[in-house]
Amino acid sequence: MTEAMDAEFDTVAEWTAQVAADLGPDFYIPAGCRGSGSPAALDWLIEQLALTAEDSLLDCGAGVGGPAAYAAKAVALQPLLVEPEAGACRAARTLFGFPVVQAVGSALPLADASVDAAWSLGVLCTTPHQLELLSEMRRTVRPPGRIALLAFVSREPLLTKQPEGNHFPARGELIELIADAGLRIEKWRSTADLPAIPQEWTDRVDAVTNALAERHGASRAWQLAERQSGRIADLLAEGAVTGEMLVLRHA
């Protein structure tokens, strides 16, 4: 990973858990979902994957663990988190207490067909090993292969606009990657089509962000992470990159 990504997913992730712990339990899940899922997106994915309390859910590239915690609260399932950055692993354990394995999604330390469902939210564009990540998810999820992605997709080659360390696939490239991994697309929905984020959720995320800025705004790690997330936000606002939710099955 680049220095900016290390800052965001390691150092700032751990700071996020500290801030959320200070603010209180109502802030844990919104804090843990910063940049990786809104309530409407997570509700849609949970529904489309038909998740129940009987299911095991692999969160591949789980970050601070907010989306997994949201799913666990919604349907009382047992999540397993896989995350490459040590700071994010510690943050997820601190806030939610779920099992967390430090590993990369392109080489999952899990047995074949060992989980009922999996998702990877905002992770695909952070690795050059995209086919390997999708193939590993296919390998570890039992048939029929309940897999979901939140992927950031470029409308055209970004050239100099692409943030360092990001690899946004074009729509056609994503479709090819999914087929090459032995998967097929069952559902596809743009995040732009989702209902607005509830104000209460936004207020809690803002409270976490403001507290982080107050405590760590002068640090290089915070400035790098904010610059990186700001570049992606600009690309989304321009429409150069779009957020896409996909539900996949074994081909």
Protein backbone atom coordinates (compact mmCIF):
# COMPACT_ATOMS: atom_id res chain seq x y z
CA MET A 1 0.00 0.00 0.00
CA THR A 2 0.99 3.64 -0.44
CA GLU A 3 1.83 5.90 2.49
CA ALA A 4 -1.59 7.56 2.20
CA MET A 5 -3.41 4.23 2.29
CA ASP A 6 -1.32 3.04 5.22
CA ALA A 7 -2.25 6.22 7.04
CA GLU A 8 -5.97 5.80 6.31
CA PHE A 9 -6.34 2.08 6.99
CA ASP A 10 -3.81 1.69 9.78
CA THR A 11 -3.14 4.81 11.85
CA VAL A 12 -6.40 6.69 11.27
CA ALA A 13 -8.42 3.49 11.64
CA GLU A 14 -7.07 3.02 15.14
CA TRP A 15 -7.69 6.66 15.99
CA THR A 16 -11.26 6.24 14.74
CA ALA A 17 -11.89 3.45 17.23
CA GLN A 18 -10.51 5.60 20.05
CA VAL A 19 -12.78 8.51 19.14
CA ALA A 20 -15.86 6.29 18.77
CA ALA A 21 -15.17 4.66 22.13
CA ASP A 22 -15.04 8.09 23.74
CA LEU A 23 -18.26 9.26 22.04
CA GLY A 24 -20.21 6.15 23.01
CA PRO A 25 -21.80 2.98 21.55
CA ASP A 26 -24.25 4.86 19.30
CA PHE A 27 -21.23 6.08 17.31
CA TYR A 28 -19.46 2.72 16.87
CA ILE A 29 -21.16 1.53 13.68
CA PRO A 30 -21.31 4.90 11.89
CA ALA A 31 -17.64 5.44 12.75
CA GLY A 32 -16.75 1.97 11.50
CA CYS A 33 -18.61 2.58 8.22
CA ARG A 34 -16.84 5.82 7.28
CA GLY A 35 -16.19 5.46 3.55
CA SER A 36 -17.37 1.86 3.34
CA GLY A 37 -21.15 1.80 3.45
CA SER A 38 -24.34 3.69 4.18
CA PRO A 39 -27.44 2.22 5.87
CA ALA A 40 -29.37 2.00 2.58
CA ALA A 41 -26.48 0.29 0.79
CA LEU A 42 -25.96 -2.21 3.59
CA ASP A 43 -29.70 -2.91 3.88
CA TRP A 44 -29.86 -3.63 0.14
CA LEU A 45 -26.85 -5.95 0.26
CA ILE A 46 -28.16 -7.81 3.31
CA GLU A 47 -31.52 -8.31 1.61
CA GLN A 48 -30.06 -9.38 -1.74
CA LEU A 49 -27.71 -11.88 -0.08
CA ALA A 50 -30.66 -13.21 1.94
CA LEU A 51 -28.55 -13.17 5.10
CA THR A 52 -29.99 -14.78 8.22
CA ALA A 53 -28.87 -15.55 11.74
CA GLU A 54 -27.79 -19.01 10.54
CA ASP A 55 -25.17 -17.59 8.16
CA SER A 56 -21.48 -16.93 8.50
CA LEU A 57 -20.43 -13.74 6.70
CA LEU A 58 -16.89 -13.04 5.55
CA ASP A 59 -16.05 -9.34 5.35
CA CYS A 60 -13.04 -9.23 3.03
CA GLY A 61 -11.09 -6.03 3.67
CA ALA A 62 -13.21 -5.22 6.69
CA GLY A 63 -11.48 -2.04 7.83
CA VAL A 64 -12.74 -0.93 11.23
CA GLY A 65 -15.62 -3.44 11.00
CA GLY A 66 -18.66 -1.18 10.79
CA PRO A 67 -20.45 -2.93 7.90
CA ALA A 68 -20.00 -6.36 9.52
CA ALA A 69 -21.35 -4.97 12.79
CA TYR A 70 -24.31 -3.45 10.95
CA ALA A 71 -25.11 -6.86 9.43
CA ALA A 72 -24.69 -8.62 12.77
CA LYS A 73 -27.11 -6.18 14.39
CA ALA A 74 -29.61 -6.46 11.52
CA VAL A 75 -29.87 -10.24 11.35
CA ALA A 76 -27.85 -11.54 14.34
CA LEU A 77 -25.32 -13.41 12.19
CA GLN A 78 -21.71 -14.23 12.97
CA PRO A 79 -19.19 -12.25 10.89
CA LEU A 80 -15.55 -13.10 10.24
CA LEU A 81 -13.36 -10.11 9.41
CA VAL A 82 -10.26 -10.26 7.21
CA GLU A 83 -8.19 -7.08 7.06
CA PRO A 84 -4.56 -6.52 6.01
CA GLU A 85 -3.77 -3.49 8.19
CA ALA A 86 -2.88 -4.08 11.84
CA GLY A 87 -4.39 -0.80 13.05
CA ALA A 88 -7.76 -1.56 11.48
CA CYS A 89 -7.68 -5.07 12.97
CA ARG A 90 -7.11 -3.65 16.45
CA ALA A 91 -9.82 -1.04 15.88
CA ALA A 92 -12.38 -3.68 14.86
CA ARG A 93 -11.59 -5.81 17.89
CA THR A 94 -11.80 -2.79 20.18
CA LEU A 95 -15.20 -1.63 18.93
CA PHE A 96 -16.97 -4.89 18.10
CA GLY A 97 -15.05 -7.88 19.45
CA PHE A 98 -15.48 -9.94 16.27
CA PRO A 99 -12.92 -12.50 15.10
CA VAL A 100 -10.40 -10.61 12.93
CA VAL A 101 -7.73 -12.24 10.78
CA GLN A 102 -4.88 -10.07 9.51
CA ALA A 103 -4.46 -11.10 5.88
CA VAL A 104 -4.89 -9.83 2.33
CA GLY A 105 -8.05 -10.64 0.40
CA SER A 106 -6.09 -12.02 -2.53
CA ALA A 107 -4.70 -14.83 -0.34
CA LEU A 108 -7.36 -15.67 2.22
CA PRO A 109 -6.20 -18.03 5.01
CA LEU A 110 -9.52 -19.90 4.90
CA ALA A 111 -10.53 -23.36 3.74
CA ASP A 112 -12.49 -23.95 0.56
CA ALA A 113 -16.26 -23.46 0.93
CA SER A 114 -15.89 -22.47 4.58
CA VAL A 115 -18.35 -19.53 4.78
CA ASP A 116 -21.95 -19.03 3.70
CA ALA A 117 -21.58 -15.54 2.22
CA ALA A 118 -19.00 -12.81 1.71
CA TRP A 119 -18.77 -9.18 0.79
CA SER A 120 -15.99 -6.76 -0.01
CA LEU A 121 -16.94 -3.09 0.26
CA GLY A 122 -14.81 -0.39 -1.33
CA VAL A 123 -11.82 -2.73 -1.43
CA LEU A 124 -11.45 -3.84 -5.04
CA CYS A 125 -10.05 -0.49 -6.20
CA THR A 126 -7.37 -0.53 -3.48
CA THR A 127 -5.51 -3.55 -4.87
CA PRO A 128 -3.88 -4.43 -8.19
CA HIS A 129 -4.72 -8.09 -7.43
CA GLN A 130 -8.39 -7.79 -8.30
CA LEU A 131 -8.83 -11.13 -10.06
CA GLU A 132 -7.13 -12.91 -7.18
CA LEU A 133 -9.42 -11.23 -4.64
CA LEU A 134 -12.55 -12.24 -6.54
CA SER A 135 -11.23 -15.77 -7.08
CA GLU A 136 -10.46 -16.16 -3.39
CA MET A 137 -13.95 -15.04 -2.43
CA ARG A 138 -15.40 -17.58 -4.87
CA ARG A 139 -13.20 -20.32 -3.41
CA THR A 140 -14.13 -19.70 0.21
CA VAL A 141 -17.90 -19.21 -0.21
CA ARG A 142 -20.12 -22.28 -0.38
CA PRO A 143 -22.34 -22.78 -3.44
CA PRO A 144 -24.39 -21.10 -4.74
CA GLY A 145 -21.86 -18.40 -3.92
CA ARG A 146 -23.52 -15.49 -2.14
CA ILE A 147 -21.00 -12.70 -2.77
CA ALA A 148 -21.44 -8.93 -2.86
CA LEU A 149 -19.25 -6.03 -3.89
CA LEU A 150 -19.33 -2.31 -3.42
CA ALA A 151 -16.97 -1.30 -6.21
CA PHE A 152 -15.82 2.11 -7.37
CA VAL A 153 -15.81 2.10 -11.15
CA SER A 154 -14.29 4.62 -13.57
CA ARG A 155 -16.33 5.92 -16.49
CA GLU A 156 -13.16 6.45 -18.56
CA PRO A 157 -9.37 6.15 -18.05
CA LEU A 158 -8.45 8.56 -15.27
CA LEU A 159 -4.81 9.01 -16.30
CA THR A 160 -3.35 11.65 -13.94
CA LYS A 161 -6.56 11.93 -11.89
CA GLN A 162 -6.31 8.45 -10.35
CA PRO A 163 -5.29 8.74 -6.67
CA GLU A 164 -2.04 7.01 -5.85
CA GLY A 165 -2.59 3.37 -4.96
CA ASN A 166 -6.09 3.16 -6.42
CA HIS A 167 -6.96 0.99 -9.41
CA PHE A 168 -10.51 1.85 -10.48
CA PRO A 169 -11.70 -0.69 -13.06
CA ALA A 170 -13.89 0.46 -15.93
CA ARG A 171 -17.33 -1.13 -16.14
CA GLY A 172 -16.28 -3.51 -18.91
CA GLU A 173 -13.11 -4.49 -17.04
CA LEU A 174 -15.12 -5.28 -13.92
CA ILE A 175 -17.50 -7.49 -15.89
CA GLU A 176 -14.55 -9.36 -17.38
CA LEU A 177 -12.87 -9.78 -13.99
CA ILE A 178 -16.04 -11.26 -12.51
CA ALA A 179 -16.39 -13.76 -15.37
CA ASP A 180 -12.69 -14.69 -15.21
CA ALA A 181 -13.10 -15.44 -11.48
CA GLY A 182 -15.85 -17.97 -12.25
CA LEU A 183 -18.66 -15.73 -11.06
CA ARG A 184 -21.77 -14.28 -12.65
CA ILE A 185 -23.65 -11.08 -11.91
CA GLU A 186 -27.10 -11.57 -10.40
CA LYS A 187 -27.95 -7.99 -9.36
CA TRP A 188 -26.38 -4.59 -10.04
CA ARG A 189 -27.39 -1.28 -8.52
CA SER A 190 -25.71 2.12 -8.41
CA THR A 191 -25.27 3.80 -5.05
CA ALA A 192 -26.61 6.96 -6.72
CA ASP A 193 -30.04 5.29 -6.83
CA LEU A 194 -30.20 4.75 -3.07
CA PRO A 195 -32.33 6.75 -0.63
CA ALA A 196 -30.68 9.62 1.21
CA ILE A 197 -28.55 8.84 4.24
CA PRO A 198 -30.49 9.50 7.48
CA GLN A 199 -29.53 12.79 9.12
CA GLU A 200 -28.86 11.10 12.46
CA TRP A 201 -26.29 8.80 10.79
CA THR A 202 -24.64 11.74 9.01
CA ASP A 203 -24.48 13.72 12.24
CA ARG A 204 -22.71 10.85 14.02
CA VAL A 205 -20.21 10.38 11.20
CA ASP A 206 -19.55 14.13 11.21
CA ALA A 207 -19.03 14.08 14.97
CA VAL A 208 -16.40 11.35 14.59
CA THR A 209 -14.68 13.17 11.73
CA ASN A 210 -14.65 16.46 13.62
CA ALA A 211 -13.20 14.83 16.71
CA LEU A 212 -10.50 13.15 14.63
CA ALA A 213 -9.60 16.47 13.01
CA GLU A 214 -9.44 18.22 16.40
CA ARG A 215 -7.17 15.57 17.88
CA HIS A 216 -4.99 14.71 14.92
CA GLY A 217 -5.45 17.44 12.30
CA ALA A 218 -1.82 18.54 12.51
CA SER A 219 -0.46 15.03 11.94
CA ARG A 220 0.92 13.87 8.60
CA ALA A 221 -1.14 10.65 8.77
CA TRP A 222 -4.43 12.57 9.07
CA GLN A 223 -3.50 15.00 6.31
CA LEU A 224 -2.51 12.19 3.94
CA ALA A 225 -5.67 10.22 4.64
CA GLU A 226 -7.89 13.29 4.21
CA ARG A 227 -6.17 14.24 0.95
CA GLN A 228 -6.71 10.72 -0.39
CA SER A 229 -10.38 10.56 0.60
CA GLY A 230 -10.89 14.08 -0.74
CA ARG A 231 -9.57 13.10 -4.16
CA ILE A 232 -11.94 10.16 -4.33
CA ALA A 233 -14.85 12.35 -3.20
CA ASP A 234 -14.02 14.80 -5.98
CA LEU A 235 -14.02 12.02 -8.58
CA LEU A 236 -17.40 10.82 -7.33
CA ALA A 237 -18.81 14.35 -7.38
CA GLU A 238 -17.57 14.84 -10.96
CA GLY A 239 -19.07 11.52 -12.04
CA ALA A 240 -15.66 10.27 -13.18
CA VAL A 241 -16.03 7.42 -10.67
CA THR A 242 -19.30 5.81 -9.56
CA GLY A 243 -20.18 3.54 -6.67
CA GLU A 244 -21.68 0.24 -7.86
CA MET A 245 -23.20 -2.58 -5.78
CA LEU A 246 -23.11 -6.06 -7.27
CA VAL A 247 -24.48 -9.38 -6.07
CA LEU A 248 -22.64 -12.37 -7.51
CA ARG A 249 -23.05 -16.14 -7.68
CA HIS A 250 -20.91 -19.03 -8.84
CA ALA A 251 -21.03 -19.26 -12.62
